């Protein structure tokens, strides 16, 4: 006979798991992958035993946080494909992908460098690229997306967006939103009346950039 937890206990367990993952992603982004698990438990407001019950090892927690991040990326593209207006779906996907990466702040790259074989990244990446290619095809069919835009242009955009440096998360997100708006205008076939760009965020002083 299988023992079933009461619904409220199962719900509490799911809530704890989500709180742990949310706390882990936030701490990994700000403090790096070496942060102690007890710090994550404190931020999630759970005891160490609860954390270890869901994630027996630190690698398991990091891998789950990374997988969630990859699925979020794929979900953004799928949501763009689901929009009735293919051009608006393309634009919304660009905006959300850039913001997601701004919030990521190097977590994905750090994970892949530290744990290169922990997750089947190739499968997730292939599925996301296939969906992105279809997003481009549908946007081109509307006549709004330049016919010479290719999948590599989206990859180039993501690489450039990843280079944004700012002193705070809010400034990084603001810069990413402005960058996404610029990219959308660049991708469009024509824009006789360009839409207003988001505000310019305060980034690093110019002298610190040119001194690199």
C-alpha atoms as a PDB file:
ATOM      1  CA  UNK A   1       0.000   0.000   0.000  1.00  0.00           C
ATOM      2  CA  UNK A   2       1.297   3.465  -0.929  1.00  0.00           C
ATOM      3  CA  UNK A   3       1.171   6.086   1.789  1.00  0.00           C
ATOM      4  CA  UNK A   4      -0.121   9.399   0.466  1.00  0.00           C
ATOM      5  CA  UNK A   5       0.625  12.728   2.076  1.00  0.00           C
ATOM      6  CA  UNK A   6      -2.386  14.937   2.854  1.00  0.00           C
ATOM      7  CA  UNK A   7      -2.972  17.561   0.175  1.00  0.00           C
ATOM      8  CA  UNK A   8      -1.879  20.419   2.472  1.00  0.00           C
ATOM      9  CA  UNK A   9       1.431  18.687   3.214  1.00  0.00           C
ATOM     10  CA  UNK A  10       2.095  18.049  -0.476  1.00  0.00           C
ATOM     11  CA  UNK A  11       1.297  21.711  -1.179  1.00  0.00           C
ATOM     12  CA  UNK A  12       3.659  22.853   1.593  1.00  0.00           C
ATOM     13  CA  UNK A  13       6.402  20.650   0.157  1.00  0.00           C
ATOM     14  CA  UNK A  14       5.937  22.176  -3.308  1.00  0.00           C
ATOM     15  CA  UNK A  15       5.962  25.672  -1.824  1.00  0.00           C
ATOM     16  CA  UNK A  16       9.167  24.922   0.072  1.00  0.00           C
ATOM     17  CA  UNK A  17      10.804  23.559  -3.066  1.00  0.00           C
ATOM     18  CA  UNK A  18       9.873  26.666  -5.056  1.00  0.00           C
ATOM     19  CA  UNK A  19      11.090  28.985  -2.299  1.00  0.00           C
ATOM     20  CA  UNK A  20      14.402  27.127  -2.178  1.00  0.00           C
ATOM     21  CA  UNK A  21      14.834  27.358  -5.956  1.00  0.00           C
ATOM     22  CA  UNK A  22      13.894  31.055  -6.024  1.00  0.00           C
ATOM     23  CA  UNK A  23      16.337  31.779  -3.199  1.00  0.00           C
ATOM     24  CA  UNK A  24      19.068  29.698  -4.841  1.00  0.00           C
ATOM     25  CA  UNK A  25      18.799  31.487  -8.188  1.00  0.00           C
ATOM     26  CA  UNK A  26      18.891  34.885  -6.495  1.00  0.00           C
ATOM     27  CA  UNK A  27      21.893  34.007  -4.321  1.00  0.00           C
ATOM     28  CA  UNK A  28      23.820  32.289  -7.119  1.00  0.00           C
ATOM     29  CA  UNK A  29      23.407  35.400  -9.285  1.00  0.00           C
ATOM     30  CA  UNK A  30      24.599  37.828  -6.604  1.00  0.00           C
ATOM     31  CA  UNK A  31      27.142  35.726  -4.679  1.00  0.00           C
ATOM     32  CA  UNK A  32      28.240  32.996  -7.099  1.00  0.00           C
ATOM     33  CA  UNK A  33      27.992  29.216  -7.016  1.00  0.00           C
ATOM     34  CA  UNK A  34      30.245  28.875  -3.957  1.00  0.00           C
ATOM     35  CA  UNK A  35      27.654  30.310  -1.574  1.00  0.00           C
ATOM     36  CA  UNK A  36      26.944  27.996   1.420  1.00  0.00           C
ATOM     37  CA  UNK A  37      23.665  26.058   1.339  1.00  0.00           C
ATOM     38  CA  UNK A  38      22.763  27.340   4.800  1.00  0.00           C
ATOM     39  CA  UNK A  39      22.654  30.870   3.364  1.00  0.00           C
ATOM     40  CA  UNK A  40      20.169  29.694   0.734  1.00  0.00           C
ATOM     41  CA  UNK A  41      18.090  27.967   3.419  1.00  0.00           C
ATOM     42  CA  UNK A  42      17.962  31.180   5.457  1.00  0.00           C
ATOM     43  CA  UNK A  43      16.872  33.213   2.441  1.00  0.00           C
ATOM     44  CA  UNK A  44      14.194  30.640   1.599  1.00  0.00           C
ATOM     45  CA  UNK A  45      13.074  30.649   5.258  1.00  0.00           C
ATOM     46  CA  UNK A  46      13.383  26.882   5.592  1.00  0.00           C
ATOM     47  CA  UNK A  47      15.561  24.712   7.787  1.00  0.00           C
ATOM     48  CA  UNK A  48      18.691  22.990   6.451  1.00  0.00           C
ATOM     49  CA  UNK A  49      16.956  19.607   6.816  1.00  0.00           C
ATOM     50  CA  UNK A  50      14.135  20.763   4.528  1.00  0.00           C
ATOM     51  CA  UNK A  51      16.624  21.958   1.926  1.00  0.00           C
ATOM     52  CA  UNK A  52      18.569  18.672   2.000  1.00  0.00           C
ATOM     53  CA  UNK A  53      15.335  16.680   1.788  1.00  0.00           C
ATOM     54  CA  UNK A  54      14.558  18.326  -1.551  1.00  0.00           C
ATOM     55  CA  UNK A  55      18.150  18.636  -2.775  1.00  0.00           C
ATOM     56  CA  UNK A  56      20.564  16.085  -1.235  1.00  0.00           C
ATOM     57  CA  UNK A  57      23.602  17.766  -2.825  1.00  0.00           C
ATOM     58  CA  UNK A  58      24.569  21.259  -3.833  1.00  0.00           C
ATOM     59  CA  UNK A  59      25.087  20.107  -7.414  1.00  0.00           C
ATOM     60  CA  UNK A  60      21.491  18.819  -7.495  1.00  0.00           C
ATOM     61  CA  UNK A  61      20.194  22.224  -6.361  1.00  0.00           C
ATOM     62  CA  UNK A  62      22.333  24.132  -8.863  1.00  0.00           C
ATOM     63  CA  UNK A  63      21.337  21.776 -11.686  1.00  0.00           C
ATOM     64  CA  UNK A  64      17.626  22.183 -10.901  1.00  0.00           C
ATOM     65  CA  UNK A  65      17.957  25.979 -10.789  1.00  0.00           C
ATOM     66  CA  UNK A  66      19.771  25.892 -14.147  1.00  0.00           C
ATOM     67  CA  UNK A  67      17.187  23.577 -15.723  1.00  0.00           C
ATOM     68  CA  UNK A  68      14.386  25.886 -14.601  1.00  0.00           C
ATOM     69  CA  UNK A  69      16.222  28.796 -16.220  1.00  0.00           C
ATOM     70  CA  UNK A  70      16.525  26.912 -19.521  1.00  0.00           C
ATOM     71  CA  UNK A  71      12.881  25.915 -19.443  1.00  0.00           C
ATOM     72  CA  UNK A  72      11.939  29.544 -18.793  1.00  0.00           C
ATOM     73  CA  UNK A  73      13.841  30.542 -21.935  1.00  0.00           C
ATOM     74  CA  UNK A  74      12.071  27.865 -23.968  1.00  0.00           C
ATOM     75  CA  UNK A  75       8.686  28.870 -22.514  1.00  0.00           C
ATOM     76  CA  UNK A  76       9.226  32.478 -23.615  1.00  0.00           C
ATOM     77  CA  UNK A  77       9.768  31.379 -27.222  1.00  0.00           C
ATOM     78  CA  UNK A  78       6.777  29.021 -27.071  1.00  0.00           C
ATOM     79  CA  UNK A  79       4.610  31.847 -25.712  1.00  0.00           C
ATOM     80  CA  UNK A  80       5.743  34.001 -28.640  1.00  0.00           C
ATOM     81  CA  UNK A  81       4.676  31.264 -31.048  1.00  0.00           C
ATOM     82  CA  UNK A  82       1.286  31.027 -29.336  1.00  0.00           C
ATOM     83  CA  UNK A  83       0.438  34.694 -29.909  1.00  0.00           C
ATOM     84  CA  UNK A  84      -2.049  35.222 -32.760  1.00  0.00           C
ATOM     85  CA  UNK A  85      -0.030  38.181 -34.072  1.00  0.00           C
ATOM     86  CA  UNK A  86       3.281  36.618 -35.128  1.00  0.00           C
ATOM     87  CA  UNK A  87       5.138  39.939 -35.194  1.00  0.00           C
ATOM     88  CA  UNK A  88       3.996  40.868 -31.698  1.00  0.00           C
ATOM     89  CA  UNK A  89       4.915  37.377 -30.565  1.00  0.00           C
ATOM     90  CA  UNK A  90       8.412  37.878 -31.961  1.00  0.00           C
ATOM     91  CA  UNK A  91       8.774  41.288 -30.262  1.00  0.00           C
ATOM     92  CA  UNK A  92       7.523  40.030 -26.904  1.00  0.00           C
ATOM     93  CA  UNK A  93       9.924  37.088 -27.058  1.00  0.00           C
ATOM     94  CA  UNK A  94      12.869  39.419 -27.751  1.00  0.00           C
ATOM     95  CA  UNK A  95      11.937  41.662 -24.818  1.00  0.00           C
ATOM     96  CA  UNK A  96      11.455  38.792 -22.376  1.00  0.00           C
ATOM     97  CA  UNK A  97      14.549  36.852 -23.457  1.00  0.00           C
ATOM     98  CA  UNK A  98      16.725  39.926 -22.932  1.00  0.00           C
ATOM     99  CA  UNK A  99      15.218  40.599 -19.510  1.00  0.00           C
ATOM    100  CA  UNK A 100      15.539  36.959 -18.461  1.00  0.00           C
ATOM    101  CA  UNK A 101      19.210  37.042 -19.354  1.00  0.00           C
ATOM    102  CA  UNK A 102      19.714  40.337 -17.532  1.00  0.00           C
ATOM    103  CA  UNK A 103      18.311  38.702 -14.396  1.00  0.00           C
ATOM    104  CA  UNK A 104      20.478  35.625 -14.989  1.00  0.00           C
ATOM    105  CA  UNK A 105      23.661  37.749 -14.753  1.00  0.00           C
ATOM    106  CA  UNK A 106      26.114  35.018 -15.657  1.00  0.00           C
ATOM    107  CA  UNK A 107      24.536  32.180 -13.659  1.00  0.00           C
ATOM    108  CA  UNK A 108      24.055  29.978 -16.741  1.00  0.00           C
ATOM    109  CA  UNK A 109      27.622  30.481 -17.945  1.00  0.00           C
ATOM    110  CA  UNK A 110      29.002  29.782 -14.472  1.00  0.00           C
ATOM    111  CA  UNK A 111      26.928  26.623 -14.159  1.00  0.00           C
ATOM    112  CA  UNK A 112      27.987  25.259 -17.547  1.00  0.00           C
ATOM    113  CA  UNK A 113      31.636  25.950 -16.732  1.00  0.00           C
ATOM    114  CA  UNK A 114      31.495  24.321 -13.293  1.00  0.00           C
ATOM    115  CA  UNK A 115      29.171  21.402 -14.074  1.00  0.00           C
ATOM    116  CA  UNK A 116      29.485  20.767 -17.824  1.00  0.00           C
ATOM    117  CA  UNK A 117      27.906  17.298 -17.679  1.00  0.00           C
ATOM    118  CA  UNK A 118      25.263  17.784 -14.983  1.00  0.00           C
ATOM    119  CA  UNK A 119      22.399  18.520 -17.402  1.00  0.00           C
ATOM    120  CA  UNK A 120      21.601  17.434 -20.959  1.00  0.00           C
ATOM    121  CA  UNK A 121      21.983  20.985 -22.231  1.00  0.00           C
ATOM    122  CA  UNK A 122      22.178  19.903 -25.882  1.00  0.00           C
ATOM    123  CA  UNK A 123      18.567  18.660 -25.941  1.00  0.00           C
ATOM    124  CA  UNK A 124      17.184  21.774 -24.256  1.00  0.00           C
ATOM    125  CA  UNK A 125      19.218  24.017 -26.576  1.00  0.00           C
ATOM    126  CA  UNK A 126      18.115  22.154 -29.728  1.00  0.00           C
ATOM    127  CA  UNK A 127      14.434  22.414 -28.773  1.00  0.00           C
ATOM    128  CA  UNK A 128      14.777  26.150 -28.036  1.00  0.00           C
ATOM    129  CA  UNK A 129      16.637  26.866 -31.286  1.00  0.00           C
ATOM    130  CA  UNK A 130      14.036  24.946 -33.313  1.00  0.00           C
ATOM    131  CA  UNK A 131      11.240  26.978 -31.719  1.00  0.00           C
ATOM    132  CA  UNK A 132      13.181  30.234 -32.256  1.00  0.00           C
ATOM    133  CA  UNK A 133      13.653  29.408 -35.947  1.00  0.00           C
ATOM    134  CA  UNK A 134       9.900  28.926 -36.289  1.00  0.00           C
ATOM    135  CA  UNK A 135       9.335  32.234 -34.467  1.00  0.00           C
ATOM    136  CA  UNK A 136      11.516  33.964 -37.074  1.00  0.00           C
ATOM    137  CA  UNK A 137       9.752  32.223 -39.954  1.00  0.00           C
ATOM    138  CA  UNK A 138       6.313  33.289 -38.732  1.00  0.00           C
ATOM    139  CA  UNK A 139       7.448  36.868 -38.101  1.00  0.00           C
ATOM    140  CA  UNK A 140       8.878  37.086 -41.639  1.00  0.00           C
ATOM    141  CA  UNK A 141       5.545  35.914 -43.054  1.00  0.00           C
ATOM    142  CA  UNK A 142       3.899  39.045 -41.614  1.00  0.00           C
ATOM    143  CA  UNK A 143       6.209  41.259 -43.673  1.00  0.00           C
ATOM    144  CA  UNK A 144       7.414  43.102 -40.574  1.00  0.00           C
ATOM    145  CA  UNK A 145      10.654  41.180 -40.013  1.00  0.00           C
ATOM    146  CA  UNK A 146      13.556  41.810 -42.371  1.00  0.00           C
ATOM    147  CA  UNK A 147      13.943  38.909 -44.816  1.00  0.00           C
ATOM    148  CA  UNK A 148      17.698  38.699 -44.176  1.00  0.00           C
ATOM    149  CA  UNK A 149      17.349  38.062 -40.418  1.00  0.00           C
ATOM    150  CA  UNK A 150      18.563  34.580 -39.465  1.00  0.00           C
ATOM    151  CA  UNK A 151      18.735  32.539 -36.280  1.00  0.00           C
ATOM    152  CA  UNK A 152      22.369  33.532 -35.741  1.00  0.00           C
ATOM    153  CA  UNK A 153      21.202  37.139 -35.388  1.00  0.00           C
ATOM    154  CA  UNK A 154      19.193  36.183 -32.300  1.00  0.00           C
ATOM    155  CA  UNK A 155      22.226  34.389 -30.884  1.00  0.00           C
ATOM    156  CA  UNK A 156      24.341  37.492 -31.598  1.00  0.00           C
ATOM    157  CA  UNK A 157      21.725  39.623 -29.838  1.00  0.00           C
ATOM    158  CA  UNK A 158      21.805  37.379 -26.757  1.00  0.00           C
ATOM    159  CA  UNK A 159      25.616  37.454 -26.678  1.00  0.00           C
ATOM    160  CA  UNK A 160      25.586  41.255 -26.855  1.00  0.00           C
ATOM    161  CA  UNK A 161      22.882  41.534 -24.208  1.00  0.00           C
ATOM    162  CA  UNK A 162      24.957  39.309 -21.947  1.00  0.00           C
ATOM    163  CA  UNK A 163      27.727  41.925 -22.033  1.00  0.00           C
ATOM    164  CA  UNK A 164      25.631  44.617 -20.354  1.00  0.00           C
ATOM    165  CA  UNK A 165      27.265  45.822 -17.146  1.00  0.00           C
ATOM    166  CA  UNK A 166      25.466  47.906 -14.556  1.00  0.00           C
ATOM    167  CA  UNK A 167      25.876  48.580 -10.828  1.00  0.00           C
ATOM    168  CA  UNK A 168      22.443  47.215  -9.846  1.00  0.00           C
ATOM    169  CA  UNK A 169      19.945  44.622 -11.035  1.00  0.00           C
ATOM    170  CA  UNK A 170      17.389  47.371 -11.754  1.00  0.00           C
ATOM    171  CA  UNK A 171      19.865  49.255 -13.950  1.00  0.00           C
ATOM    172  CA  UNK A 172      20.849  46.046 -15.742  1.00  0.00           C
ATOM    173  CA  UNK A 173      17.207  45.249 -16.510  1.00  0.00           C
ATOM    174  CA  UNK A 174      16.550  48.831 -17.665  1.00  0.00           C
ATOM    175  CA  UNK A 175      19.555  48.686 -19.999  1.00  0.00           C
ATOM    176  CA  UNK A 176      18.422  45.326 -21.321  1.00  0.00           C
ATOM    177  CA  UNK A 177      14.937  46.683 -22.081  1.00  0.00           C
ATOM    178  CA  UNK A 178      16.392  49.597 -24.024  1.00  0.00           C
ATOM    179  CA  UNK A 179      18.726  47.249 -25.899  1.00  0.00           C
ATOM    180  CA  UNK A 180      15.782  44.970 -26.790  1.00  0.00           C
ATOM    181  CA  UNK A 181      13.837  47.958 -28.124  1.00  0.00           C
ATOM    182  CA  UNK A 182      16.804  48.983 -30.287  1.00  0.00           C
ATOM    183  CA  UNK A 183      17.137  45.437 -31.604  1.00  0.00           C
ATOM    184  CA  UNK A 184      13.447  45.214 -32.486  1.00  0.00           C
ATOM    185  CA  UNK A 185      13.736  48.404 -34.520  1.00  0.00           C
ATOM    186  CA  UNK A 186      16.834  47.016 -36.244  1.00  0.00           C
ATOM    187  CA  UNK A 187      15.038  43.760 -37.059  1.00  0.00           C
ATOM    188  CA  UNK A 188      11.984  45.497 -38.509  1.00  0.00           C
ATOM    189  CA  UNK A 189      11.663  45.944 -42.277  1.00  0.00           C
ATOM    190  CA  UNK A 190      10.714  49.605 -41.956  1.00  0.00           C
ATOM    191  CA  UNK A 191       9.883  51.985 -39.164  1.00  0.00           C
ATOM    192  CA  UNK A 192       8.741  55.379 -40.496  1.00  0.00           C
ATOM    193  CA  UNK A 193       7.541  56.379 -37.028  1.00  0.00           C
ATOM    194  CA  UNK A 194       9.832  54.669 -34.516  1.00  0.00           C
ATOM    195  CA  UNK A 195       8.248  53.927 -31.148  1.00  0.00           C
ATOM    196  CA  UNK A 196       9.790  55.660 -28.102  1.00  0.00           C
ATOM    197  CA  UNK A 197      12.726  53.898 -26.507  1.00  0.00           C
ATOM    198  CA  UNK A 198      12.724  53.038 -22.797  1.00  0.00           C
ATOM    199  CA  UNK A 199      14.666  55.479 -20.564  1.00  0.00           C
ATOM    200  CA  UNK A 200      18.460  55.422 -20.571  1.00  0.00           C
ATOM    201  CA  UNK A 201      19.658  53.733 -17.352  1.00  0.00           C
ATOM    202  CA  UNK A 202      22.676  54.806 -15.321  1.00  0.00           C
ATOM    203  CA  UNK A 203      25.452  52.369 -16.183  1.00  0.00           C
ATOM    204  CA  UNK A 204      29.195  52.342 -15.538  1.00  0.00           C
ATOM    205  CA  UNK A 205      31.100  55.648 -15.922  1.00  0.00           C
ATOM    206  CA  UNK A 206      32.404  56.027 -19.474  1.00  0.00           C
ATOM    207  CA  UNK A 207      36.010  56.286 -18.281  1.00  0.00           C
ATOM    208  CA  UNK A 208      35.800  52.882 -16.599  1.00  0.00           C
ATOM    209  CA  UNK A 209      34.659  51.290 -19.874  1.00  0.00           C
ATOM    210  CA  UNK A 210      37.333  52.819 -22.106  1.00  0.00           C
ATOM    211  CA  UNK A 211      40.026  52.043 -19.536  1.00  0.00           C
ATOM    212  CA  UNK A 212      39.516  48.287 -20.008  1.00  0.00           C
END
